Full PDB file with SEQRES, HELIX, SHEET, SSBOND, CRYST1, ORIGX, SCALE, CONECT and MASTER records, all heavy atoms in Angstrom:
SEQRES   1 A   42  SER CYS ALA ALA SER GLY SER ILE PHE ARG VAL SER THR          
SEQRES   2 A   42  MET GLY TRP TYR ARG GLN ALA PRO GLY LYS GLN ARG GLU          
SEQRES   3 A   42  LEU VAL ALA THR ILE THR THR ILE GLY VAL ARG ASN TYR          
SEQRES   4 A   42  ALA GLN SER                                                  
HELIX    1 AA1 GLY A    6  PHE A    9  1                                   4    
SHEET    1 AA1 3 MET A  14  ARG A  18  0                                        
SHEET    2 AA1 3 GLU A  26  ILE A  31 -1                                        
SHEET    3 AA1 3 ARG A  37  TYR A  39 -1                                        
CRYST1    1.000    1.000    1.000  90.00  90.00  90.00 P 1           1          
ORIGX1      1.000000  0.000000  0.000000        0.00000                         
ORIGX2      0.000000  1.000000  0.000000        0.00000                         
ORIGX3      0.000000  0.000000  1.000000        0.00000                         
SCALE1      1.000000  0.000000  0.000000        0.00000                         
SCALE2      0.000000  1.000000  0.000000        0.00000                         
SCALE3      0.000000  0.000000  1.000000        0.00000                         
ATOM      1  N   SER A   1      93.942 118.909 -40.116  1.00  0.00           N  
ATOM      2  CA  SER A   1      93.685 117.528 -40.550  1.00  0.00           C  
ATOM      3  C   SER A   1      94.900 117.050 -41.411  1.00  0.00           C  
ATOM      4  O   SER A   1      95.548 117.835 -42.100  1.00  0.00           O  
ATOM      5  CB  SER A   1      92.450 117.531 -41.452  1.00  0.00           C  
ATOM      6  OG  SER A   1      91.310 117.905 -40.783  1.00  0.00           O  
ATOM      7  N   CYS A   2      95.123 115.778 -41.337  1.00  0.00           N  
ATOM      8  CA  CYS A   2      96.143 115.182 -42.101  1.00  0.00           C  
ATOM      9  C   CYS A   2      95.666 113.797 -42.628  1.00  0.00           C  
ATOM     10  O   CYS A   2      95.386 112.869 -41.768  1.00  0.00           O  
ATOM     11  CB  CYS A   2      97.421 115.038 -41.305  1.00  0.00           C  
ATOM     12  SG  CYS A   2      98.759 114.139 -42.164  1.00  0.00           S  
ATOM     13  N   ALA A   3      95.556 113.712 -43.875  1.00  0.00           N  
ATOM     14  CA  ALA A   3      95.177 112.419 -44.509  1.00  0.00           C  
ATOM     15  C   ALA A   3      96.399 111.692 -45.080  1.00  0.00           C  
ATOM     16  O   ALA A   3      97.199 112.252 -45.818  1.00  0.00           O  
ATOM     17  CB  ALA A   3      94.157 112.553 -45.709  1.00  0.00           C  
ATOM     18  N   ALA A   4      96.534 110.391 -44.735  1.00  0.00           N  
ATOM     19  CA  ALA A   4      97.662 109.619 -45.049  1.00  0.00           C  
ATOM     20  C   ALA A   4      97.343 108.427 -45.932  1.00  0.00           C  
ATOM     21  O   ALA A   4      96.161 108.060 -45.972  1.00  0.00           O  
ATOM     22  CB  ALA A   4      98.396 109.164 -43.840  1.00  0.00           C  
ATOM     23  N   SER A   5      98.331 107.921 -46.642  1.00  0.00           N  
ATOM     24  CA  SER A   5      98.062 106.665 -47.352  1.00  0.00           C  
ATOM     25  C   SER A   5      97.689 105.558 -46.437  1.00  0.00           C  
ATOM     26  O   SER A   5      98.274 105.421 -45.330  1.00  0.00           O  
ATOM     27  CB  SER A   5      99.392 106.334 -48.210  1.00  0.00           C  
ATOM     28  OG  SER A   5      99.768 107.265 -48.945  1.00  0.00           O  
ATOM     29  N   GLY A   6      96.732 104.824 -46.793  1.00  0.00           N  
ATOM     30  CA  GLY A   6      96.120 103.720 -45.913  1.00  0.00           C  
ATOM     31  C   GLY A   6      97.211 102.648 -45.664  1.00  0.00           C  
ATOM     32  O   GLY A   6      97.130 102.153 -44.461  1.00  0.00           O  
ATOM     33  N   SER A   7      98.086 102.392 -46.508  1.00  0.00           N  
ATOM     34  CA  SER A   7      99.004 101.322 -46.107  1.00  0.00           C  
ATOM     35  C   SER A   7      99.955 101.728 -44.965  1.00  0.00           C  
ATOM     36  O   SER A   7     100.339 100.747 -44.225  1.00  0.00           O  
ATOM     37  CB  SER A   7      99.800 101.056 -47.405  1.00  0.00           C  
ATOM     38  OG  SER A   7     100.596 102.211 -47.771  1.00  0.00           O  
ATOM     39  N   ILE A   8     100.260 103.014 -44.791  1.00  0.00           N  
ATOM     40  CA  ILE A   8     101.113 103.325 -43.681  1.00  0.00           C  
ATOM     41  C   ILE A   8     100.282 103.811 -42.441  1.00  0.00           C  
ATOM     42  O   ILE A   8     100.645 103.562 -41.355  1.00  0.00           O  
ATOM     43  CB  ILE A   8     102.045 104.452 -44.071  1.00  0.00           C  
ATOM     44  CG1 ILE A   8     103.205 104.627 -43.025  1.00  0.00           C  
ATOM     45  CG2 ILE A   8     101.401 105.793 -44.398  1.00  0.00           C  
ATOM     46  CD1 ILE A   8     104.080 103.494 -42.717  1.00  0.00           C  
ATOM     47  N   PHE A   9      99.146 104.471 -42.663  1.00  0.00           N  
ATOM     48  CA  PHE A   9      98.418 104.892 -41.670  1.00  0.00           C  
ATOM     49  C   PHE A   9      97.934 103.660 -40.657  1.00  0.00           C  
ATOM     50  O   PHE A   9      97.872 103.764 -39.529  1.00  0.00           O  
ATOM     51  CB  PHE A   9      97.066 105.578 -42.166  1.00  0.00           C  
ATOM     52  CG  PHE A   9      96.225 106.341 -41.089  1.00  0.00           C  
ATOM     53  CD1 PHE A   9      96.443 107.586 -40.755  1.00  0.00           C  
ATOM     54  CD2 PHE A   9      95.207 105.606 -40.518  1.00  0.00           C  
ATOM     55  CE1 PHE A   9      95.713 108.178 -39.755  1.00  0.00           C  
ATOM     56  CE2 PHE A   9      94.467 106.193 -39.510  1.00  0.00           C  
ATOM     57  CZ  PHE A   9      94.746 107.515 -39.164  1.00  0.00           C  
ATOM     58  N   ARG A  10      97.463 102.595 -41.328  1.00  0.00           N  
ATOM     59  CA  ARG A  10      96.971 101.439 -40.590  1.00  0.00           C  
ATOM     60  C   ARG A  10      97.916 101.029 -39.550  1.00  0.00           C  
ATOM     61  O   ARG A  10      97.559 100.406 -38.466  1.00  0.00           O  
ATOM     62  CB  ARG A  10      96.681 100.379 -41.631  1.00  0.00           C  
ATOM     63  CG  ARG A  10      96.054  99.064 -41.000  1.00  0.00           C  
ATOM     64  CD  ARG A  10      95.648  98.127 -42.146  1.00  0.00           C  
ATOM     65  NE  ARG A  10      96.792  97.718 -42.937  1.00  0.00           N  
ATOM     66  CZ  ARG A  10      97.652  96.798 -42.542  1.00  0.00           C  
ATOM     67  NH1 ARG A  10      97.481  96.088 -41.503  1.00  0.00           N  
ATOM     68  NH2 ARG A  10      98.639  96.450 -43.425  1.00  0.00           N  
ATOM     69  N   VAL A  11      99.218 100.986 -39.760  1.00  0.00           N  
ATOM     70  CA  VAL A  11     100.328 100.563 -38.857  1.00  0.00           C  
ATOM     71  C   VAL A  11     101.070 101.580 -38.181  1.00  0.00           C  
ATOM     72  O   VAL A  11     102.027 101.177 -37.385  1.00  0.00           O  
ATOM     73  CB  VAL A  11     101.223  99.566 -39.605  1.00  0.00           C  
ATOM     74  CG1 VAL A  11     100.369  98.432 -40.215  1.00  0.00           C  
ATOM     75  CG2 VAL A  11     101.934 100.299 -40.692  1.00  0.00           C  
ATOM     76  N   SER A  12     100.764 102.809 -38.193  1.00  0.00           N  
ATOM     77  CA  SER A  12     101.632 103.889 -37.709  1.00  0.00           C  
ATOM     78  C   SER A  12     101.041 104.671 -36.641  1.00  0.00           C  
ATOM     79  O   SER A  12      99.849 104.822 -36.511  1.00  0.00           O  
ATOM     80  CB  SER A  12     101.936 104.843 -38.863  1.00  0.00           C  
ATOM     81  OG  SER A  12     102.758 104.242 -40.017  1.00  0.00           O  
ATOM     82  N   THR A  13     101.916 104.987 -35.664  1.00  0.00           N  
ATOM     83  CA  THR A  13     101.653 106.086 -34.758  1.00  0.00           C  
ATOM     84  C   THR A  13     101.572 107.379 -35.546  1.00  0.00           C  
ATOM     85  O   THR A  13     102.541 107.753 -36.300  1.00  0.00           O  
ATOM     86  CB  THR A  13     102.675 106.142 -33.689  1.00  0.00           C  
ATOM     87  OG1 THR A  13     102.552 104.972 -32.694  1.00  0.00           O  
ATOM     88  CG2 THR A  13     102.477 107.294 -32.780  1.00  0.00           C  
ATOM     89  N   MET A  14     100.656 108.189 -35.325  1.00  0.00           N  
ATOM     90  CA  MET A  14     100.514 109.557 -35.990  1.00  0.00           C  
ATOM     91  C   MET A  14     100.805 110.605 -34.960  1.00  0.00           C  
ATOM     92  O   MET A  14     100.604 110.523 -33.866  1.00  0.00           O  
ATOM     93  CB  MET A  14      99.092 109.693 -36.604  1.00  0.00           C  
ATOM     94  CG  MET A  14      98.702 108.590 -37.570  1.00  0.00           C  
ATOM     95  SD  MET A  14      99.797 108.471 -39.053  1.00  0.00           S  
ATOM     96  CE  MET A  14      99.553 110.226 -39.830  1.00  0.00           C  
ATOM     97  N   GLY A  15     101.411 111.728 -35.495  1.00  0.00           N  
ATOM     98  CA  GLY A  15     101.606 112.748 -34.611  1.00  0.00           C  
ATOM     99  C   GLY A  15     101.667 114.182 -35.264  1.00  0.00           C  
ATOM    100  O   GLY A  15     101.646 114.231 -36.558  1.00  0.00           O  
ATOM    101  N   TRP A  16     101.711 115.156 -34.445  1.00  0.00           N  
ATOM    102  CA  TRP A  16     101.809 116.539 -34.864  1.00  0.00           C  
ATOM    103  C   TRP A  16     103.025 117.148 -34.196  1.00  0.00           C  
ATOM    104  O   TRP A  16     103.229 117.009 -32.983  1.00  0.00           O  
ATOM    105  CB  TRP A  16     100.558 117.311 -34.587  1.00  0.00           C  
ATOM    106  CG  TRP A  16      99.391 117.035 -35.401  1.00  0.00           C  
ATOM    107  CD1 TRP A  16      98.385 116.161 -35.090  1.00  0.00           C  
ATOM    108  CD2 TRP A  16      99.062 117.483 -36.687  1.00  0.00           C  
ATOM    109  NE1 TRP A  16      97.422 116.104 -36.083  1.00  0.00           N  
ATOM    110  CE2 TRP A  16      97.774 116.927 -37.089  1.00  0.00           C  
ATOM    111  CE3 TRP A  16      99.666 118.430 -37.562  1.00  0.00           C  
ATOM    112  CZ2 TRP A  16      97.197 117.101 -38.348  1.00  0.00           C  
ATOM    113  CZ3 TRP A  16      99.042 118.650 -38.807  1.00  0.00           C  
ATOM    114  CH2 TRP A  16      97.812 118.027 -39.172  1.00  0.00           C  
ATOM    115  N   TYR A  17     103.771 117.887 -35.009  1.00  0.00           N  
ATOM    116  CA  TYR A  17     105.031 118.467 -34.546  1.00  0.00           C  
ATOM    117  C   TYR A  17     104.946 119.975 -35.061  1.00  0.00           C  
ATOM    118  O   TYR A  17     104.179 120.285 -35.920  1.00  0.00           O  
ATOM    119  CB  TYR A  17     106.327 117.814 -35.064  1.00  0.00           C  
ATOM    120  CG  TYR A  17     106.556 116.517 -34.542  1.00  0.00           C  
ATOM    121  CD1 TYR A  17     105.828 115.412 -34.899  1.00  0.00           C  
ATOM    122  CD2 TYR A  17     107.570 116.282 -33.550  1.00  0.00           C  
ATOM    123  CE1 TYR A  17     106.115 114.112 -34.499  1.00  0.00           C  
ATOM    124  CE2 TYR A  17     107.826 115.015 -33.058  1.00  0.00           C  
ATOM    125  CZ  TYR A  17     107.066 114.025 -33.607  1.00  0.00           C  
ATOM    126  OH  TYR A  17     107.328 112.723 -33.046  1.00  0.00           O  
ATOM    127  N   ARG A  18     105.641 120.857 -34.383  1.00  0.00           N  
ATOM    128  CA  ARG A  18     105.636 122.280 -34.755  1.00  0.00           C  
ATOM    129  C   ARG A  18     107.083 122.791 -34.695  1.00  0.00           C  
ATOM    130  O   ARG A  18     107.812 122.371 -33.867  1.00  0.00           O  
ATOM    131  CB  ARG A  18     104.610 123.075 -33.998  1.00  0.00           C  
ATOM    132  CG  ARG A  18     104.976 123.276 -32.570  1.00  0.00           C  
ATOM    133  CD  ARG A  18     103.836 123.938 -31.897  1.00  0.00           C  
ATOM    134  NE  ARG A  18     104.111 124.215 -30.501  1.00  0.00           N  
ATOM    135  CZ  ARG A  18     103.228 124.587 -29.544  1.00  0.00           C  
ATOM    136  NH1 ARG A  18     101.981 124.895 -29.930  1.00  0.00           N  
ATOM    137  NH2 ARG A  18     103.580 124.811 -28.295  1.00  0.00           N  
ATOM    138  N   GLN A  19     107.280 123.804 -35.531  1.00  0.00           N  
ATOM    139  CA  GLN A  19     108.601 124.525 -35.504  1.00  0.00           C  
ATOM    140  C   GLN A  19     108.306 126.044 -35.636  1.00  0.00           C  
ATOM    141  O   GLN A  19     107.782 126.386 -36.743  1.00  0.00           O  
ATOM    142  CB  GLN A  19     109.541 124.021 -36.553  1.00  0.00           C  
ATOM    143  CG  GLN A  19     110.901 124.600 -36.437  1.00  0.00           C  
ATOM    144  CD  GLN A  19     111.867 123.821 -37.303  1.00  0.00           C  
ATOM    145  OE1 GLN A  19     111.484 123.180 -38.312  1.00  0.00           O  
ATOM    146  NE2 GLN A  19     113.159 123.822 -36.991  1.00  0.00           N  
ATOM    147  N   ALA A  20     108.721 126.832 -34.712  1.00  0.00           N  
ATOM    148  CA  ALA A  20     108.642 128.292 -34.794  1.00  0.00           C  
ATOM    149  C   ALA A  20     110.020 128.831 -35.317  1.00  0.00           C  
ATOM    150  O   ALA A  20     110.979 128.098 -35.096  1.00  0.00           O  
ATOM    151  CB  ALA A  20     108.291 128.751 -33.465  1.00  0.00           C  
ATOM    152  N   PRO A  21     109.931 129.989 -35.937  1.00  0.00           N  
ATOM    153  CA  PRO A  21     111.297 130.509 -36.317  1.00  0.00           C  
ATOM    154  C   PRO A  21     112.278 130.643 -35.307  1.00  0.00           C  
ATOM    155  O   PRO A  21     112.071 131.042 -34.139  1.00  0.00           O  
ATOM    156  CB  PRO A  21     110.829 131.938 -36.865  1.00  0.00           C  
ATOM    157  CG  PRO A  21     109.384 131.841 -37.188  1.00  0.00           C  
ATOM    158  CD  PRO A  21     108.811 130.766 -36.227  1.00  0.00           C  
ATOM    159  N   GLY A  22     113.483 130.138 -35.542  1.00  0.00           N  
ATOM    160  CA  GLY A  22     114.639 130.208 -34.730  1.00  0.00           C  
ATOM    161  C   GLY A  22     114.548 129.149 -33.581  1.00  0.00           C  
ATOM    162  O   GLY A  22     115.386 129.181 -32.569  1.00  0.00           O  
ATOM    163  N   LYS A  23     113.642 128.170 -33.604  1.00  0.00           N  
ATOM    164  CA  LYS A  23     113.485 127.203 -32.570  1.00  0.00           C  
ATOM    165  C   LYS A  23     113.434 125.761 -33.126  1.00  0.00           C  
ATOM    166  O   LYS A  23     113.369 125.585 -34.262  1.00  0.00           O  
ATOM    167  CB  LYS A  23     112.234 127.387 -31.815  1.00  0.00           C  
ATOM    168  CG  LYS A  23     111.941 128.713 -31.112  1.00  0.00           C  
ATOM    169  CD  LYS A  23     110.729 128.736 -30.277  1.00  0.00           C  
ATOM    170  CE  LYS A  23     110.927 127.830 -29.025  1.00  0.00           C  
ATOM    171  NZ  LYS A  23     109.754 127.937 -28.055  1.00  0.00           N  
ATOM    172  N   GLN A  24     113.783 124.891 -32.293  1.00  0.00           N  
ATOM    173  CA  GLN A  24     113.751 123.504 -32.646  1.00  0.00           C  
ATOM    174  C   GLN A  24     112.400 122.998 -32.931  1.00  0.00           C  
ATOM    175  O   GLN A  24     111.393 123.419 -32.334  1.00  0.00           O  
ATOM    176  CB  GLN A  24     114.421 122.505 -31.604  1.00  0.00           C  
ATOM    177  CG  GLN A  24     115.805 122.888 -31.286  1.00  0.00           C  
ATOM    178  CD  GLN A  24     116.817 122.301 -32.161  1.00  0.00           C  
ATOM    179  OE1 GLN A  24     117.610 123.069 -32.874  1.00  0.00           O  
ATOM    180  NE2 GLN A  24     116.788 120.969 -32.281  1.00  0.00           N  
ATOM    181  N   ARG A  25     112.327 121.944 -33.854  1.00  0.00           N  
ATOM    182  CA  ARG A  25     110.932 121.267 -34.081  1.00  0.00           C  
ATOM    183  C   ARG A  25     110.725 120.574 -32.778  1.00  0.00           C  
ATOM    184  O   ARG A  25     111.524 119.786 -32.262  1.00  0.00           O  
ATOM    185  CB  ARG A  25     111.081 120.349 -35.273  1.00  0.00           C  
ATOM    186  CG  ARG A  25     109.739 119.704 -35.582  1.00  0.00           C  
ATOM    187  CD  ARG A  25     109.910 118.820 -36.799  1.00  0.00           C  
ATOM    188  NE  ARG A  25     110.221 119.566 -38.013  1.00  0.00           N  
ATOM    189  CZ  ARG A  25     110.198 119.172 -39.198  1.00  0.00           C  
ATOM    190  NH1 ARG A  25     109.938 117.826 -39.502  1.00  0.00           N  
ATOM    191  NH2 ARG A  25     110.611 119.834 -40.165  1.00  0.00           N  
ATOM    192  N   GLU A  26     109.433 120.607 -32.369  1.00  0.00           N  
ATOM    193  CA  GLU A  26     109.000 119.984 -31.163  1.00  0.00           C  
ATOM    194  C   GLU A  26     107.820 119.190 -31.331  1.00  0.00           C  
ATOM    195  O   GLU A  26     106.969 119.434 -32.137  1.00  0.00           O  
ATOM    196  CB  GLU A  26     108.830 120.970 -30.017  1.00  0.00           C  
ATOM    197  CG  GLU A  26     107.642 122.017 -30.334  1.00  0.00           C  
ATOM    198  CD  GLU A  26     107.399 122.930 -29.128  1.00  0.00           C  
ATOM    199  OE1 GLU A  26     107.936 122.789 -28.057  1.00  0.00           O  
ATOM    200  OE2 GLU A  26     106.516 123.870 -29.302  1.00  0.00           O  
ATOM    201  N   LEU A  27     107.661 118.161 -30.485  1.00  0.00           N  
ATOM    202  CA  LEU A  27     106.431 117.266 -30.595  1.00  0.00           C  
ATOM    203  C   LEU A  27     105.289 118.006 -29.895  1.00  0.00           C  
ATOM    204  O   LEU A  27     105.470 118.670 -28.735  1.00  0.00           O  
ATOM    205  CB  LEU A  27     106.770 116.008 -29.765  1.00  0.00           C  
ATOM    206  CG  LEU A  27     105.685 114.856 -29.752  1.00  0.00           C  
ATOM    207  CD1 LEU A  27     106.246 113.490 -29.807  1.00  0.00           C  
ATOM    208  CD2 LEU A  27     104.664 115.073 -28.554  1.00  0.00           C  
ATOM    209  N   VAL A  28     104.206 117.919 -30.611  1.00  0.00           N  
ATOM    210  CA  VAL A  28     102.976 118.461 -29.998  1.00  0.00           C  
ATOM    211  C   VAL A  28     102.084 117.379 -29.376  1.00  0.00           C  
ATOM    212  O   VAL A  28     101.646 117.440 -28.238  1.00  0.00           O  
ATOM    213  CB  VAL A  28     102.141 119.304 -31.106  1.00  0.00           C  
ATOM    214  CG1 VAL A  28     100.838 119.823 -30.457  1.00  0.00           C  
ATOM    215  CG2 VAL A  28     102.960 120.457 -31.581  1.00  0.00           C  
ATOM    216  N   ALA A  29     101.823 116.359 -30.168  1.00  0.00           N  
ATOM    217  CA  ALA A  29     100.918 115.270 -29.730  1.00  0.00           C  
ATOM    218  C   ALA A  29     101.129 114.053 -30.574  1.00  0.00           C  
ATOM    219  O   ALA A  29     101.457 114.162 -31.815  1.00  0.00           O  
ATOM    220  CB  ALA A  29      99.382 115.717 -29.696  1.00  0.00           C  
ATOM    221  N   THR A  30     100.869 112.931 -30.058  1.00  0.00           N  
ATOM    222  CA  THR A  30     100.883 111.667 -30.885  1.00  0.00           C  
ATOM    223  C   THR A  30      99.744 110.814 -30.399  1.00  0.00           C  
ATOM    224  O   THR A  30      99.196 110.939 -29.421  1.00  0.00           O  
ATOM    225  CB  THR A  30     102.157 110.850 -30.651  1.00  0.00           C  
ATOM    226  OG1 THR A  30     102.301 110.492 -29.303  1.00  0.00           O  
ATOM    227  CG2 THR A  30     103.434 111.646 -31.117  1.00  0.00           C  
ATOM    228  N   ILE A  31      99.332 109.938 -31.417  1.00  0.00           N  
ATOM    229  CA  ILE A  31      98.297 108.944 -31.117  1.00  0.00           C  
ATOM    230  C   ILE A  31      98.556 107.678 -31.777  1.00  0.00           C  
ATOM    231  O   ILE A  31      98.985 107.566 -32.962  1.00  0.00           O  
ATOM    232  CB  ILE A  31      96.868 109.547 -31.498  1.00  0.00           C  
ATOM    233  CG1 ILE A  31      95.762 108.488 -31.157  1.00  0.00           C  
ATOM    234  CG2 ILE A  31      96.917 109.885 -33.028  1.00  0.00           C  
ATOM    235  CD1 ILE A  31      94.324 109.094 -31.334  1.00  0.00           C  
ATOM    236  N   THR A  32      98.509 106.498 -30.990  1.00  0.00           N  
ATOM    237  CA  THR A  32      98.850 105.212 -31.596  1.00  0.00           C  
ATOM    238  C   THR A  32      97.752 104.734 -32.404  1.00  0.00           C  
ATOM    239  O   THR A  32      96.687 105.266 -32.440  1.00  0.00           O  
ATOM    240  CB  THR A  32      99.219 104.262 -30.386  1.00  0.00           C  
ATOM    241  OG1 THR A  32      98.085 103.883 -29.744  1.00  0.00           O  
ATOM    242  CG2 THR A  32     100.322 104.846 -29.510  1.00  0.00           C  
ATOM    243  N   THR A  33      97.995 103.536 -32.989  1.00  0.00           N  
ATOM    244  CA  THR A  33      96.941 102.892 -33.813  1.00  0.00           C  
ATOM    245  C   THR A  33      95.777 102.454 -32.927  1.00  0.00           C  
ATOM    246  O   THR A  33      94.681 102.317 -33.487  1.00  0.00           O  
ATOM    247  CB  THR A  33      97.485 101.578 -34.476  1.00  0.00           C  
ATOM    248  OG1 THR A  33      97.994 100.695 -33.483  1.00  0.00           O  
ATOM    249  CG2 THR A  33      98.627 101.996 -35.481  1.00  0.00           C  
ATOM    250  N   ILE A  34      95.960 102.354 -31.583  1.00  0.00           N  
ATOM    251  CA  ILE A  34      94.811 101.955 -30.812  1.00  0.00           C  
ATOM    252  C   ILE A  34      94.299 103.060 -29.897  1.00  0.00           C  
ATOM    253  O   ILE A  34      93.494 102.942 -28.961  1.00  0.00           O  
ATOM    254  CB  ILE A  34      95.096 100.738 -29.867  1.00  0.00           C  
ATOM    255  CG1 ILE A  34      96.267 100.999 -28.961  1.00  0.00           C  
ATOM    256  CG2 ILE A  34      95.375  99.481 -30.811  1.00  0.00           C  
ATOM    257  CD1 ILE A  34      96.533  99.971 -27.918  1.00  0.00           C  
ATOM    258  N   GLY A  35      94.741 104.188 -30.214  1.00  0.00           N  
ATOM    259  CA  GLY A  35      94.243 105.473 -29.542  1.00  0.00           C  
ATOM    260  C   GLY A  35      94.901 105.931 -28.353  1.00  0.00           C  
ATOM    261  O   GLY A  35      94.274 106.788 -27.590  1.00  0.00           O  
ATOM    262  N   VAL A  36      96.165 105.562 -28.030  1.00  0.00           N  
ATOM    263  CA  VAL A  36      96.798 106.003 -26.914  1.00  0.00           C  
ATOM    264  C   VAL A  36      97.463 107.345 -27.212  1.00  0.00           C  
ATOM    265  O   VAL A  36      98.187 107.433 -28.175  1.00  0.00           O  
ATOM    266  CB  VAL A  36      97.913 105.042 -26.399  1.00  0.00           C  
ATOM    267  CG1 VAL A  36      98.633 105.501 -25.282  1.00  0.00           C  
ATOM    268  CG2 VAL A  36      97.249 103.622 -25.998  1.00  0.00           C  
ATOM    269  N   ARG A  37      97.289 108.331 -26.447  1.00  0.00           N  
ATOM    270  CA  ARG A  37      97.596 109.698 -26.758  1.00  0.00           C  
ATOM    271  C   ARG A  37      98.752 110.161 -25.813  1.00  0.00           C  
ATOM    272  O   ARG A  37      98.848 109.814 -24.683  1.00  0.00           O  
ATOM    273  CB  ARG A  37      96.368 110.696 -26.668  1.00  0.00           C  
ATOM    274  CG  ARG A  37      95.302 110.413 -27.540  1.00  0.00           C  
ATOM    275  CD  ARG A  37      94.003 111.204 -27.213  1.00  0.00           C  
ATOM    276  NE  ARG A  37      92.995 111.056 -28.082  1.00  0.00           N  
ATOM    277  CZ  ARG A  37      92.136 110.057 -28.225  1.00  0.00           C  
ATOM    278  NH1 ARG A  37      92.153 109.034 -27.280  1.00  0.00           N  
ATOM    279  NH2 ARG A  37      91.170 110.002 -29.148  1.00  0.00           N  
ATOM    280  N   ASN A  38      99.622 111.026 -26.442  1.00  0.00           N  
ATOM    281  CA  ASN A  38     100.660 111.710 -25.651  1.00  0.00           C  
ATOM    282  C   ASN A  38     100.710 113.194 -26.076  1.00  0.00           C  
ATOM    283  O   ASN A  38     100.557 113.470 -27.332  1.00  0.00           O  
ATOM    284  CB  ASN A  38     102.045 111.029 -26.019  1.00  0.00           C  
ATOM    285  CG  ASN A  38     103.063 111.631 -25.180  1.00  0.00           C  
ATOM    286  OD1 ASN A  38     102.939 111.805 -23.965  1.00  0.00           O  
ATOM    287  ND2 ASN A  38     104.212 111.889 -25.805  1.00  0.00           N  
ATOM    288  N   TYR A  39     100.864 114.071 -25.115  1.00  0.00           N  
ATOM    289  CA  TYR A  39     100.783 115.431 -25.396  1.00  0.00           C  
ATOM    290  C   TYR A  39     101.998 116.158 -24.799  1.00  0.00           C  
ATOM    291  O   TYR A  39     102.582 115.810 -23.654  1.00  0.00           O  
ATOM    292  CB  TYR A  39      99.670 116.170 -24.899  1.00  0.00           C  
ATOM    293  CG  TYR A  39      98.300 115.846 -25.519  1.00  0.00           C  
ATOM    294  CD1 TYR A  39      97.548 114.837 -24.875  1.00  0.00           C  
ATOM    295  CD2 TYR A  39      97.804 116.348 -26.597  1.00  0.00           C  
ATOM    296  CE1 TYR A  39      96.298 114.385 -25.383  1.00  0.00           C  
ATOM    297  CE2 TYR A  39      96.582 115.983 -27.124  1.00  0.00           C  
ATOM    298  CZ  TYR A  39      95.784 115.004 -26.561  1.00  0.00           C  
ATOM    299  OH  TYR A  39      94.634 114.540 -27.062  1.00  0.00           O  
ATOM    300  N   ALA A  40     102.512 117.244 -25.524  1.00  0.00           N  
ATOM    301  CA  ALA A  40     103.454 118.095 -24.883  1.00  0.00           C  
ATOM    302  C   ALA A  40     102.778 118.804 -23.686  1.00  0.00           C  
ATOM    303  O   ALA A  40     101.595 119.214 -23.790  1.00  0.00           O  
ATOM    304  CB  ALA A  40     104.001 119.141 -25.934  1.00  0.00           C  
ATOM    305  N   GLN A  41     103.524 119.133 -22.731  1.00  0.00           N  
ATOM    306  CA  GLN A  41     102.987 119.763 -21.574  1.00  0.00           C  
ATOM    307  C   GLN A  41     102.408 121.139 -21.926  1.00  0.00           C  
ATOM    308  O   GLN A  41     101.370 121.552 -21.302  1.00  0.00           O  
ATOM    309  CB  GLN A  41     104.179 119.949 -20.491  1.00  0.00           C  
ATOM    310  CG  GLN A  41     103.530 120.536 -19.131  1.00  0.00           C  
ATOM    311  CD  GLN A  41     102.561 119.605 -18.441  1.00  0.00           C  
ATOM    312  OE1 GLN A  41     102.715 118.435 -18.449  1.00  0.00           O  
ATOM    313  NE2 GLN A  41     101.596 120.173 -17.876  1.00  0.00           N  
ATOM    314  N   SER A  42     103.042 121.856 -22.853  1.00  0.00           N  
ATOM    315  CA  SER A  42     102.583 123.023 -23.238  1.00  0.00           C  
ATOM    316  C   SER A  42     101.192 123.231 -23.797  1.00  0.00           C  
ATOM    317  O   SER A  42     100.519 124.187 -23.878  1.00  0.00           O  
ATOM    318  CB  SER A  42     103.470 123.804 -24.184  1.00  0.00           C  
ATOM    319  OG  SER A  42     103.673 123.076 -25.367  1.00  0.00           O  
TER     320      SER A  42                                                      
MASTER        0    0    0    1    3    0    0    6  319    1    0    4          
END                                                                             
């Protein structure tokens, strides 16, 4: 779970990223303000 300030949450695409040791930070998933989702293939 991630709770954000309302002023930014209301207008922002939200996402989750992850970084394993020795690896680049990678996108996991995003969701727009209207619920459009995008996922990493993995």
